[in-house]
Amino acid sequence: MPKGASPKREREYKELEHKFEEEGRYPGREEEVAARIVNKQRAEAGETKDSKPPARRGGTGHRRANTTRTARRSKPS
């Protein structure tokens, strides 16, 4: 963990690392994955020097009207 990490983040890192070892997840990479998760949380919370806002998902953020559908009309009898 970076030197500027709070005790809370250090604790989260150690808990994640221990959890991954117990579950057998990410064999040999437990430290790396735990550090990445905690660093991402720190950045999203604005706790890092170069923190960036979280990336938006879903493209442009708005939906286009579906112009391919036409209203169904019943045929006159």
N, C-alpha and C. Protein backbone atom coordinates (compact mmCIF):
# COMPACT_ATOMS: atom_id res chain seq x y z
N MET A 1 0.84 -1.18 0.00
CA MET A 1 0.00 0.00 0.00
C MET A 1 0.89 1.25 0.00
N PRO A 2 0.42 2.31 -0.63
CA PRO A 2 1.18 3.56 -0.62
C PRO A 2 1.30 4.12 0.79
N LYS A 3 2.30 4.97 0.99
CA LYS A 3 2.54 5.54 2.31
C LYS A 3 1.38 6.40 2.79
N GLY A 4 0.66 7.05 1.88
CA GLY A 4 -0.41 7.96 2.26
C GLY A 4 -1.72 7.28 2.57
N ALA A 5 -1.77 5.97 2.52
CA ALA A 5 -3.02 5.26 2.77
C ALA A 5 -3.38 5.33 4.26
N SER A 6 -4.65 5.48 4.52
CA SER A 6 -5.12 5.58 5.90
C SER A 6 -5.11 4.19 6.55
N PRO A 7 -5.16 4.15 7.87
CA PRO A 7 -5.21 2.86 8.56
C PRO A 7 -6.42 2.02 8.11
N LYS A 8 -7.52 2.70 7.80
CA LYS A 8 -8.71 1.99 7.34
C LYS A 8 -8.43 1.26 6.03
N ARG A 9 -7.76 1.95 5.09
CA ARG A 9 -7.44 1.33 3.81
C ARG A 9 -6.42 0.21 3.97
N GLU A 10 -5.46 0.39 4.88
CA GLU A 10 -4.48 -0.66 5.16
C GLU A 10 -5.20 -1.91 5.66
N ARG A 11 -6.15 -1.70 6.55
CA ARG A 11 -6.92 -2.82 7.11
C ARG A 11 -7.73 -3.52 6.03
N GLU A 12 -8.37 -2.73 5.15
CA GLU A 12 -9.14 -3.32 4.06
C GLU A 12 -8.25 -4.15 3.15
N TYR A 13 -7.05 -3.63 2.86
CA TYR A 13 -6.09 -4.33 2.02
C TYR A 13 -5.74 -5.69 2.62
N LYS A 14 -5.40 -5.69 3.90
CA LYS A 14 -5.01 -6.94 4.56
C LYS A 14 -6.17 -7.93 4.62
N GLU A 15 -7.38 -7.42 4.86
CA GLU A 15 -8.55 -8.29 4.91
C GLU A 15 -8.83 -8.92 3.54
N LEU A 16 -8.72 -8.12 2.48
CA LEU A 16 -8.93 -8.65 1.14
C LEU A 16 -7.87 -9.71 0.79
N GLU A 17 -6.62 -9.39 1.10
CA GLU A 17 -5.54 -10.32 0.81
C GLU A 17 -5.77 -11.65 1.53
N HIS A 18 -6.11 -11.58 2.79
CA HIS A 18 -6.37 -12.79 3.59
C HIS A 18 -7.56 -13.56 3.03
N LYS A 19 -8.61 -12.85 2.66
CA LYS A 19 -9.82 -13.47 2.11
C LYS A 19 -9.49 -14.21 0.81
N PHE A 20 -8.70 -13.59 -0.06
CA PHE A 20 -8.34 -14.22 -1.33
C PHE A 20 -7.49 -15.47 -1.12
N GLU A 21 -6.58 -15.42 -0.12
CA GLU A 21 -5.76 -16.58 0.18
C GLU A 21 -6.61 -17.73 0.69
N GLU A 22 -7.57 -17.44 1.57
CA GLU A 22 -8.44 -18.48 2.13
C GLU A 22 -9.30 -19.12 1.05
N GLU A 23 -9.83 -18.29 0.14
CA GLU A 23 -10.72 -18.79 -0.90
C GLU A 23 -9.97 -19.42 -2.07
N GLY A 24 -8.67 -19.19 -2.14
CA GLY A 24 -7.90 -19.72 -3.25
C GLY A 24 -8.08 -18.93 -4.54
N ARG A 25 -8.55 -17.71 -4.41
CA ARG A 25 -8.75 -16.86 -5.59
C ARG A 25 -7.46 -16.15 -5.93
N TYR A 26 -7.21 -15.92 -7.19
CA TYR A 26 -6.03 -15.19 -7.68
C TYR A 26 -4.74 -15.79 -7.12
N PRO A 27 -4.50 -17.08 -7.33
CA PRO A 27 -3.30 -17.69 -6.75
C PRO A 27 -2.02 -16.98 -7.20
N GLY A 28 -1.22 -16.57 -6.22
CA GLY A 28 0.04 -15.88 -6.48
C GLY A 28 -0.11 -14.40 -6.75
N ARG A 29 -1.36 -13.90 -6.88
CA ARG A 29 -1.59 -12.49 -7.18
C ARG A 29 -2.48 -11.82 -6.14
N GLU A 30 -2.63 -12.44 -4.99
CA GLU A 30 -3.53 -11.91 -3.97
C GLU A 30 -3.18 -10.48 -3.58
N GLU A 31 -1.88 -10.21 -3.38
CA GLU A 31 -1.44 -8.87 -2.98
C GLU A 31 -1.77 -7.85 -4.06
N GLU A 32 -1.47 -8.21 -5.30
CA GLU A 32 -1.70 -7.28 -6.42
C GLU A 32 -3.18 -6.92 -6.56
N VAL A 33 -4.03 -7.94 -6.52
CA VAL A 33 -5.46 -7.70 -6.71
C VAL A 33 -6.03 -6.89 -5.55
N ALA A 34 -5.62 -7.22 -4.33
CA ALA A 34 -6.10 -6.47 -3.16
C ALA A 34 -5.66 -5.01 -3.26
N ALA A 35 -4.41 -4.78 -3.66
CA ALA A 35 -3.90 -3.41 -3.79
C ALA A 35 -4.66 -2.65 -4.87
N ARG A 36 -4.94 -3.30 -5.98
CA ARG A 36 -5.69 -2.64 -7.05
C ARG A 36 -7.08 -2.23 -6.59
N ILE A 37 -7.74 -3.12 -5.86
CA ILE A 37 -9.10 -2.83 -5.39
C ILE A 37 -9.08 -1.64 -4.43
N VAL A 38 -8.16 -1.66 -3.47
CA VAL A 38 -8.09 -0.59 -2.48
C VAL A 38 -7.68 0.73 -3.14
N ASN A 39 -6.73 0.69 -4.08
CA ASN A 39 -6.32 1.91 -4.77
C ASN A 39 -7.46 2.50 -5.59
N LYS A 40 -8.27 1.64 -6.19
CA LYS A 40 -9.42 2.12 -6.95
C LYS A 40 -10.42 2.81 -6.02
N GLN A 41 -10.65 2.21 -4.85
CA GLN A 41 -11.56 2.81 -3.87
C GLN A 41 -11.03 4.17 -3.42
N ARG A 42 -9.72 4.25 -3.19
CA ARG A 42 -9.10 5.51 -2.75
C ARG A 42 -9.28 6.59 -3.81
N ALA A 43 -9.07 6.23 -5.08
CA ALA A 43 -9.19 7.20 -6.17
C ALA A 43 -10.63 7.68 -6.30
N GLU A 44 -11.58 6.76 -6.21
CA GLU A 44 -12.99 7.14 -6.34
C GLU A 44 -13.45 8.03 -5.19
N ALA A 45 -12.83 7.84 -4.02
CA ALA A 45 -13.20 8.64 -2.86
C ALA A 45 -12.42 9.95 -2.81
N GLY A 46 -11.52 10.17 -3.77
CA GLY A 46 -10.75 11.41 -3.80
C GLY A 46 -9.63 11.45 -2.79
N GLU A 47 -9.12 10.30 -2.38
CA GLU A 47 -8.07 10.24 -1.36
C GLU A 47 -6.67 10.23 -1.95
N THR A 48 -6.53 10.31 -3.26
CA THR A 48 -5.21 10.27 -3.89
C THR A 48 -4.89 11.63 -4.48
N LYS A 49 -3.62 11.87 -4.74
CA LYS A 49 -3.19 13.14 -5.32
C LYS A 49 -3.81 13.35 -6.69
N ASP A 50 -3.68 12.34 -7.53
CA ASP A 50 -4.15 12.44 -8.91
C ASP A 50 -5.49 11.73 -9.08
N SER A 51 -6.38 11.91 -8.14
CA SER A 51 -7.65 11.20 -8.23
C SER A 51 -8.46 11.73 -9.40
N LYS A 52 -9.07 10.79 -10.09
CA LYS A 52 -9.89 11.12 -11.24
C LYS A 52 -11.33 10.71 -10.94
N PRO A 53 -12.29 11.39 -11.51
CA PRO A 53 -13.67 10.97 -11.28
C PRO A 53 -13.90 9.59 -11.89
N PRO A 54 -14.80 8.81 -11.33
CA PRO A 54 -15.05 7.47 -11.86
C PRO A 54 -15.51 7.53 -13.31
N ALA A 55 -15.11 6.54 -14.07
CA ALA A 55 -15.48 6.48 -15.48
C ALA A 55 -16.97 6.23 -15.62
N ARG A 56 -17.55 6.87 -16.61
CA ARG A 56 -18.98 6.65 -16.86
C ARG A 56 -19.15 5.42 -17.70
N ARG A 57 -20.22 4.74 -17.48
CA ARG A 57 -20.51 3.54 -18.26
C ARG A 57 -21.71 3.81 -19.15
N GLY A 58 -21.77 3.09 -20.23
CA GLY A 58 -22.96 3.17 -21.07
C GLY A 58 -22.85 4.19 -22.18
N GLY A 59 -21.67 4.59 -22.55
CA GLY A 59 -21.51 5.48 -23.70
C GLY A 59 -21.82 6.93 -23.37
N THR A 60 -22.74 7.52 -24.12
CA THR A 60 -22.98 8.95 -24.03
C THR A 60 -23.85 9.37 -22.86
N GLY A 61 -24.53 8.44 -22.25
CA GLY A 61 -25.33 8.78 -21.09
C GLY A 61 -26.77 9.13 -21.41
N HIS A 62 -27.14 9.09 -22.67
CA HIS A 62 -28.53 9.33 -23.01
C HIS A 62 -28.97 8.30 -24.04
N ARG A 63 -30.25 8.13 -24.14
CA ARG A 63 -30.77 7.14 -25.07
C ARG A 63 -31.44 7.84 -26.24
N ARG A 64 -31.26 7.27 -27.37
CA ARG A 64 -31.94 7.81 -28.55
C ARG A 64 -33.32 7.18 -28.65
N ALA A 65 -34.22 7.94 -29.20
CA ALA A 65 -35.56 7.41 -29.40
C ALA A 65 -35.48 6.32 -30.46
N ASN A 66 -36.22 5.28 -30.25
CA ASN A 66 -36.23 4.19 -31.21
C ASN A 66 -37.13 4.59 -32.37
N THR A 67 -36.52 4.96 -33.48
CA THR A 67 -37.27 5.45 -34.62
C THR A 67 -37.65 4.35 -35.59
N THR A 68 -37.19 3.12 -35.32
CA THR A 68 -37.50 2.04 -36.26
C THR A 68 -38.87 1.44 -36.01
N ARG A 69 -39.42 1.64 -34.85
CA ARG A 69 -40.74 1.08 -34.57
C ARG A 69 -41.83 2.00 -35.10
N THR A 70 -42.85 1.40 -35.58
CA THR A 70 -44.01 2.17 -36.00
C THR A 70 -45.20 1.74 -35.17
N ALA A 71 -46.11 2.62 -35.01
CA ALA A 71 -47.31 2.32 -34.24
C ALA A 71 -48.12 1.27 -34.98
N ARG A 72 -48.64 0.32 -34.23
CA ARG A 72 -49.47 -0.71 -34.85
C ARG A 72 -50.90 -0.21 -34.93
N ARG A 73 -51.43 -0.33 -36.10
CA ARG A 73 -52.83 0.07 -36.29
C ARG A 73 -53.63 -1.14 -36.76
N SER A 74 -54.82 -1.21 -36.26
CA SER A 74 -55.65 -2.33 -36.71
C SER A 74 -56.22 -1.96 -38.08
N LYS A 75 -56.31 -2.97 -38.90
CA LYS A 75 -56.84 -2.73 -40.25
C LYS A 75 -58.35 -2.56 -40.16
N PRO A 76 -58.86 -1.63 -40.94
CA PRO A 76 -60.33 -1.46 -40.93
C PRO A 76 -60.99 -2.71 -41.54
N SER A 77 -62.11 -3.11 -40.98
CA SER A 77 -62.80 -4.30 -41.46
C SER A 77 -63.75 -4.00 -42.57
